[in-house]
Amino acid sequence: MRRALFLPIAFWLAGCASYSIIDGSEYTRTDPNSAPVLIRAVDDDGFQNSSEARVEPGSHLVLLESARLVSPRDPIGRDPMHEFTLPLNTKPCKRYLVSAEHHGTLSKDWDPVVRGVEDIAGCAVK
């Protein structure tokens, strides 16, 4: 009985806090130079190659890495030497769609791009 009561309350409390989401899984599939990104860290708090990070609203430094497989001979498909830090000022209850824009189809050089900002459904600004 306690568990049945606790879960709805926990979900309700989670919905009460304002937050932002940085989403690296969105990219333009029709653009061969566009690729998803992995979020390596936000404000020096590391992630395990996550494509999404839930953060408090405000200014953040987001360490990104392109998830695109550049060469079939590259065993892990990534080049850690090509990480970028993106300064991002997030607003409450917004999802930021971030991707990598490569300089060419076979290039490991890329720039981070914020492709859009969406409202988070069910999120209330407090």
N, C-alpha and C. Protein backbone atom coordinates (compact mmCIF):
# COMPACT_ATOMS: atom_id res chain seq x y z
N MET A 1 0.82 -1.19 0.00
CA MET A 1 0.00 0.00 0.00
C MET A 1 0.87 1.26 0.00
N ARG A 2 1.95 1.24 0.79
CA ARG A 2 2.82 2.41 0.84
C ARG A 2 3.41 2.72 -0.53
N ARG A 3 3.82 1.67 -1.22
CA ARG A 3 4.44 1.87 -2.53
C ARG A 3 3.43 2.44 -3.52
N ALA A 4 2.21 1.95 -3.46
CA ALA A 4 1.17 2.44 -4.36
C ALA A 4 0.89 3.92 -4.12
N LEU A 5 1.04 4.38 -2.89
CA LEU A 5 0.81 5.78 -2.57
C LEU A 5 2.06 6.61 -2.87
N PHE A 6 3.24 6.05 -2.65
CA PHE A 6 4.48 6.79 -2.83
C PHE A 6 4.74 7.16 -4.28
N LEU A 7 4.55 6.23 -5.21
CA LEU A 7 4.87 6.50 -6.62
C LEU A 7 4.10 7.67 -7.20
N PRO A 8 2.78 7.75 -7.04
CA PRO A 8 2.08 8.91 -7.60
C PRO A 8 2.55 10.23 -6.98
N ILE A 9 2.86 10.22 -5.69
CA ILE A 9 3.34 11.43 -5.04
C ILE A 9 4.71 11.81 -5.59
N ALA A 10 5.58 10.84 -5.79
CA ALA A 10 6.91 11.11 -6.33
C ALA A 10 6.81 11.69 -7.74
N PHE A 11 5.94 11.14 -8.58
CA PHE A 11 5.77 11.66 -9.93
C PHE A 11 5.18 13.08 -9.89
N TRP A 12 4.27 13.32 -8.97
CA TRP A 12 3.67 14.65 -8.85
C TRP A 12 4.73 15.66 -8.43
N LEU A 13 5.58 15.30 -7.47
CA LEU A 13 6.63 16.20 -7.01
C LEU A 13 7.65 16.46 -8.11
N ALA A 14 7.96 15.45 -8.89
CA ALA A 14 8.91 15.62 -9.99
C ALA A 14 8.37 16.59 -11.02
N GLY A 15 7.07 16.59 -11.24
CA GLY A 15 6.46 17.49 -12.19
C GLY A 15 6.37 18.91 -11.69
N CYS A 16 6.53 19.13 -10.40
CA CYS A 16 6.40 20.46 -9.82
C CYS A 16 7.66 21.30 -10.02
N ALA A 17 8.80 20.68 -10.11
CA ALA A 17 10.05 21.42 -10.24
C ALA A 17 10.25 21.86 -11.69
N SER A 18 10.72 23.08 -11.87
CA SER A 18 11.06 23.56 -13.21
C SER A 18 12.40 22.98 -13.62
N TYR A 19 12.51 22.59 -14.86
CA TYR A 19 13.75 22.03 -15.37
C TYR A 19 13.83 22.28 -16.87
N SER A 20 14.98 22.00 -17.43
CA SER A 20 15.22 22.10 -18.87
C SER A 20 15.82 20.78 -19.33
N ILE A 21 15.70 20.50 -20.61
CA ILE A 21 16.29 19.29 -21.18
C ILE A 21 17.17 19.69 -22.36
N ILE A 22 18.37 19.14 -22.37
CA ILE A 22 19.27 19.29 -23.51
C ILE A 22 19.24 17.95 -24.24
N ASP A 23 18.79 17.96 -25.48
CA ASP A 23 18.55 16.73 -26.24
C ASP A 23 19.48 16.69 -27.45
N GLY A 24 20.39 15.73 -27.45
CA GLY A 24 21.34 15.59 -28.55
C GLY A 24 20.96 14.55 -29.58
N SER A 25 19.77 13.96 -29.43
CA SER A 25 19.37 12.89 -30.36
C SER A 25 18.72 13.41 -31.63
N GLU A 26 18.33 14.67 -31.65
CA GLU A 26 17.65 15.23 -32.81
C GLU A 26 18.67 15.79 -33.81
N TYR A 27 18.48 15.45 -35.06
CA TYR A 27 19.31 15.99 -36.12
C TYR A 27 18.53 15.91 -37.42
N THR A 28 19.03 16.59 -38.44
CA THR A 28 18.36 16.61 -39.74
C THR A 28 18.82 15.41 -40.55
N ARG A 29 17.96 14.43 -40.70
CA ARG A 29 18.33 13.20 -41.41
C ARG A 29 18.58 13.42 -42.90
N THR A 30 17.98 14.45 -43.46
CA THR A 30 18.17 14.71 -44.89
C THR A 30 19.46 15.44 -45.19
N ASP A 31 20.13 15.97 -44.17
CA ASP A 31 21.40 16.66 -44.34
C ASP A 31 22.52 15.69 -44.01
N PRO A 32 23.35 15.30 -45.00
CA PRO A 32 24.41 14.32 -44.74
C PRO A 32 25.50 14.84 -43.78
N ASN A 33 25.53 16.14 -43.54
CA ASN A 33 26.53 16.70 -42.64
C ASN A 33 26.03 16.83 -41.20
N SER A 34 24.78 16.51 -40.97
CA SER A 34 24.19 16.62 -39.64
C SER A 34 24.28 15.28 -38.91
N ALA A 35 24.52 15.35 -37.60
CA ALA A 35 24.64 14.12 -36.81
C ALA A 35 24.18 14.38 -35.38
N PRO A 36 23.75 13.33 -34.67
CA PRO A 36 23.42 13.50 -33.25
C PRO A 36 24.68 13.74 -32.44
N VAL A 37 24.51 14.23 -31.22
CA VAL A 37 25.65 14.45 -30.33
C VAL A 37 25.45 13.67 -29.04
N LEU A 38 26.57 13.35 -28.41
CA LEU A 38 26.58 12.74 -27.08
C LEU A 38 26.94 13.83 -26.09
N ILE A 39 26.20 13.87 -25.00
CA ILE A 39 26.49 14.84 -23.95
C ILE A 39 27.47 14.19 -22.98
N ARG A 40 28.67 14.71 -22.96
CA ARG A 40 29.73 14.14 -22.11
C ARG A 40 29.69 14.72 -20.70
N ALA A 41 29.32 16.01 -20.58
CA ALA A 41 29.27 16.66 -19.27
C ALA A 41 28.46 17.95 -19.36
N VAL A 42 27.87 18.33 -18.25
CA VAL A 42 27.22 19.63 -18.10
C VAL A 42 27.80 20.25 -16.84
N ASP A 43 28.44 21.40 -16.99
CA ASP A 43 29.08 22.09 -15.86
C ASP A 43 30.03 21.17 -15.10
N ASP A 44 30.81 20.40 -15.82
CA ASP A 44 31.80 19.46 -15.27
C ASP A 44 31.19 18.26 -14.54
N ASP A 45 29.88 18.08 -14.61
CA ASP A 45 29.24 16.86 -14.09
C ASP A 45 29.13 15.89 -15.26
N GLY A 46 29.89 14.79 -15.20
CA GLY A 46 29.96 13.86 -16.32
C GLY A 46 28.73 13.00 -16.50
N PHE A 47 28.52 12.59 -17.75
CA PHE A 47 27.46 11.66 -18.13
C PHE A 47 28.12 10.49 -18.84
N GLN A 48 27.44 9.38 -18.93
CA GLN A 48 27.94 8.22 -19.65
C GLN A 48 27.41 8.24 -21.08
N ASN A 49 27.97 9.11 -21.91
CA ASN A 49 27.59 9.19 -23.32
C ASN A 49 26.08 9.29 -23.50
N SER A 50 25.46 10.16 -22.76
CA SER A 50 24.02 10.32 -22.81
C SER A 50 23.63 11.20 -23.99
N SER A 51 22.47 10.92 -24.57
CA SER A 51 21.96 11.78 -25.63
C SER A 51 21.01 12.83 -25.07
N GLU A 52 20.74 12.77 -23.76
CA GLU A 52 19.81 13.72 -23.14
C GLU A 52 20.25 14.02 -21.72
N ALA A 53 20.11 15.28 -21.33
CA ALA A 53 20.45 15.70 -19.97
C ALA A 53 19.36 16.60 -19.43
N ARG A 54 18.91 16.32 -18.22
CA ARG A 54 17.92 17.16 -17.53
C ARG A 54 18.70 18.07 -16.59
N VAL A 55 18.50 19.39 -16.75
CA VAL A 55 19.27 20.37 -15.99
C VAL A 55 18.35 21.43 -15.39
N GLU A 56 18.86 22.15 -14.40
CA GLU A 56 18.13 23.29 -13.85
C GLU A 56 18.23 24.43 -14.85
N PRO A 57 17.21 25.28 -14.92
CA PRO A 57 17.30 26.44 -15.81
C PRO A 57 18.47 27.34 -15.42
N GLY A 58 19.09 27.96 -16.42
CA GLY A 58 20.21 28.86 -16.16
C GLY A 58 21.33 28.64 -17.15
N SER A 59 22.48 29.24 -16.87
CA SER A 59 23.65 29.15 -17.74
C SER A 59 24.41 27.86 -17.48
N HIS A 60 24.78 27.20 -18.56
CA HIS A 60 25.50 25.93 -18.47
C HIS A 60 26.59 25.86 -19.53
N LEU A 61 27.63 25.09 -19.23
CA LEU A 61 28.65 24.73 -20.21
C LEU A 61 28.45 23.25 -20.50
N VAL A 62 28.10 22.94 -21.75
CA VAL A 62 27.75 21.58 -22.15
C VAL A 62 28.87 21.02 -23.03
N LEU A 63 29.52 19.95 -22.57
CA LEU A 63 30.58 19.30 -23.34
C LEU A 63 29.93 18.27 -24.26
N LEU A 64 30.11 18.45 -25.56
CA LEU A 64 29.48 17.61 -26.58
C LEU A 64 30.51 16.89 -27.42
N GLU A 65 30.08 15.74 -27.96
CA GLU A 65 30.90 14.96 -28.88
C GLU A 65 29.99 14.44 -29.99
N SER A 66 30.42 14.57 -31.23
CA SER A 66 29.61 14.06 -32.34
C SER A 66 29.53 12.55 -32.27
N ALA A 67 28.34 12.01 -32.47
CA ALA A 67 28.13 10.56 -32.40
C ALA A 67 28.25 9.91 -33.77
N ARG A 68 28.60 10.67 -34.79
CA ARG A 68 28.64 10.15 -36.15
C ARG A 68 29.87 9.25 -36.37
N LEU A 69 29.63 8.14 -37.01
CA LEU A 69 30.72 7.25 -37.40
C LEU A 69 31.36 7.84 -38.64
N VAL A 70 32.60 8.31 -38.50
CA VAL A 70 33.28 8.98 -39.61
C VAL A 70 34.00 7.98 -40.50
N SER A 71 34.62 6.98 -39.91
CA SER A 71 35.39 6.00 -40.68
C SER A 71 35.07 4.60 -40.18
N PRO A 72 34.88 3.64 -41.10
CA PRO A 72 34.62 2.27 -40.65
C PRO A 72 35.80 1.67 -39.90
N ARG A 73 37.01 2.23 -40.07
CA ARG A 73 38.18 1.73 -39.36
C ARG A 73 38.30 2.28 -37.95
N ASP A 74 37.49 3.28 -37.62
CA ASP A 74 37.50 3.84 -36.28
C ASP A 74 36.71 2.90 -35.37
N PRO A 75 37.35 2.18 -34.44
CA PRO A 75 36.67 1.11 -33.69
C PRO A 75 35.51 1.55 -32.82
N ILE A 76 35.53 2.77 -32.33
CA ILE A 76 34.41 3.20 -31.49
C ILE A 76 33.54 4.24 -32.19
N GLY A 77 33.93 4.67 -33.38
CA GLY A 77 33.10 5.57 -34.15
C GLY A 77 33.13 7.01 -33.69
N ARG A 78 34.01 7.35 -32.74
CA ARG A 78 34.08 8.72 -32.25
C ARG A 78 35.53 9.14 -32.14
N ASP A 79 35.74 10.44 -32.14
CA ASP A 79 37.07 10.98 -31.95
C ASP A 79 37.05 11.93 -30.77
N PRO A 80 37.55 11.49 -29.60
CA PRO A 80 37.48 12.34 -28.41
C PRO A 80 38.27 13.64 -28.54
N MET A 81 39.12 13.75 -29.55
CA MET A 81 39.86 14.99 -29.76
C MET A 81 38.98 16.08 -30.35
N HIS A 82 37.77 15.73 -30.77
CA HIS A 82 36.87 16.69 -31.39
C HIS A 82 35.63 16.93 -30.54
N GLU A 83 35.84 17.27 -29.29
CA GLU A 83 34.75 17.63 -28.40
C GLU A 83 34.61 19.15 -28.40
N PHE A 84 33.39 19.62 -28.18
CA PHE A 84 33.13 21.05 -28.11
C PHE A 84 32.39 21.38 -26.83
N THR A 85 32.70 22.54 -26.28
CA THR A 85 31.95 23.05 -25.14
C THR A 85 31.00 24.12 -25.65
N LEU A 86 29.71 23.89 -25.44
CA LEU A 86 28.67 24.80 -25.90
C LEU A 86 28.12 25.57 -24.71
N PRO A 87 28.29 26.91 -24.67
CA PRO A 87 27.63 27.67 -23.61
C PRO A 87 26.14 27.78 -23.95
N LEU A 88 25.29 27.45 -22.99
CA LEU A 88 23.85 27.42 -23.25
C LEU A 88 23.11 27.99 -22.05
N ASN A 89 22.26 28.98 -22.29
CA ASN A 89 21.43 29.56 -21.23
C ASN A 89 20.03 28.98 -21.39
N THR A 90 19.66 28.07 -20.49
CA THR A 90 18.38 27.37 -20.63
C THR A 90 17.29 28.08 -19.84
N LYS A 91 16.09 28.00 -20.37
CA LYS A 91 14.89 28.56 -19.74
C LYS A 91 14.08 27.42 -19.13
N PRO A 92 13.25 27.70 -18.13
CA PRO A 92 12.44 26.65 -17.51
C PRO A 92 11.47 26.01 -18.51
N CYS A 93 11.31 24.70 -18.40
CA CYS A 93 10.33 23.93 -19.18
C CYS A 93 10.57 23.97 -20.68
N LYS A 94 11.83 24.04 -21.08
CA LYS A 94 12.18 24.05 -22.50
C LYS A 94 13.12 22.90 -22.81
N ARG A 95 12.95 22.32 -24.00
CA ARG A 95 13.82 21.26 -24.52
C ARG A 95 14.67 21.89 -25.63
N TYR A 96 15.99 21.77 -25.50
CA TYR A 96 16.92 22.32 -26.47
C TYR A 96 17.44 21.20 -27.36
N LEU A 97 17.17 21.30 -28.66
CA LEU A 97 17.55 20.27 -29.63
C LEU A 97 18.92 20.65 -30.21
N VAL A 98 19.93 19.87 -29.84
CA VAL A 98 21.31 20.17 -30.21
C VAL A 98 21.82 19.07 -31.13
N SER A 99 22.60 19.45 -32.15
CA SER A 99 23.18 18.45 -33.04
C SER A 99 24.56 18.92 -33.51
N ALA A 100 25.23 18.05 -34.24
CA ALA A 100 26.54 18.36 -34.81
C ALA A 100 26.36 18.67 -36.29
N GLU A 101 26.98 19.75 -36.73
CA GLU A 101 26.99 20.09 -38.16
C GLU A 101 28.43 19.92 -38.64
N HIS A 102 28.68 18.81 -39.35
CA HIS A 102 30.03 18.52 -39.84
C HIS A 102 30.37 19.41 -41.03
N HIS A 103 31.65 19.70 -41.22
CA HIS A 103 32.10 20.58 -42.31
C HIS A 103 32.06 19.88 -43.65
N GLY A 104 31.88 18.59 -43.67
CA GLY A 104 31.79 17.80 -44.91
C GLY A 104 31.36 16.39 -44.57
N THR A 105 31.00 15.64 -45.59
CA THR A 105 30.49 14.29 -45.38
C THR A 105 31.48 13.39 -44.65
N LEU A 106 32.77 13.50 -44.95
CA LEU A 106 33.78 12.65 -44.33
C LEU A 106 34.62 13.38 -43.28
N SER A 107 34.23 14.60 -42.96
CA SER A 107 35.02 15.41 -42.05
C SER A 107 34.74 15.08 -40.59
N LYS A 108 35.81 15.08 -39.79
CA LYS A 108 35.65 14.96 -38.34
C LYS A 108 35.47 16.33 -37.70
N ASP A 109 35.69 17.39 -38.47
CA ASP A 109 35.50 18.75 -37.96
C ASP A 109 34.02 19.10 -37.98
N TRP A 110 33.53 19.67 -36.89
CA TRP A 110 32.12 19.99 -36.78
C TRP A 110 31.91 21.13 -35.80
N ASP A 111 30.70 21.68 -35.85
CA ASP A 111 30.29 22.73 -34.93
C ASP A 111 28.98 22.33 -34.27
N PRO A 112 28.80 22.65 -32.99
CA PRO A 112 27.51 22.38 -32.34
C PRO A 112 26.47 23.38 -32.83
N VAL A 113 25.23 22.89 -33.00
CA VAL A 113 24.14 23.73 -33.49
C VAL A 113 22.91 23.47 -32.61
N VAL A 114 22.26 24.54 -32.17
CA VAL A 114 20.97 24.40 -31.49
C VAL A 114 19.92 24.51 -32.59
N ARG A 115 19.30 23.37 -32.94
CA ARG A 115 18.35 23.31 -34.05
C ARG A 115 16.96 23.81 -33.70
N GLY A 116 16.66 23.85 -32.41
CA GLY A 116 15.35 24.33 -32.02
C GLY A 116 15.15 24.27 -30.53
N VAL A 117 14.06 24.91 -30.10
CA VAL A 117 13.67 24.92 -28.70
C VAL A 117 12.18 24.60 -28.66
N GLU A 118 11.81 23.63 -27.82
CA GLU A 118 10.42 23.20 -27.70
C GLU A 118 9.97 23.30 -26.25
N ASP A 119 8.64 23.43 -26.07
CA ASP A 119 8.07 23.35 -24.73
C ASP A 119 8.06 21.90 -24.26
N ILE A 120 8.28 21.68 -22.97
CA ILE A 120 8.19 20.34 -22.38
C ILE A 120 6.76 20.14 -21.90
N ALA A 121 6.09 19.15 -22.45
CA ALA A 121 4.69 18.88 -22.08
C ALA A 121 4.59 18.49 -20.61
N GLY A 122 3.64 19.06 -19.91
CA GLY A 122 3.41 18.71 -18.52
C GLY A 122 4.32 19.40 -17.53
N CYS A 123 5.21 20.25 -18.01
CA CYS A 123 6.14 20.96 -17.12
C CYS A 123 5.53 22.30 -16.75
N ALA A 124 5.59 22.64 -15.48
CA ALA A 124 5.04 23.92 -14.99
C ALA A 124 6.16 24.80 -14.49
N VAL A 125 6.18 26.04 -14.95
CA VAL A 125 7.20 26.98 -14.50
C VAL A 125 6.86 27.41 -13.08
N LYS A 126 7.85 27.25 -12.19
CA LYS A 126 7.67 27.64 -10.77
C LYS A 126 8.55 28.81 -10.45
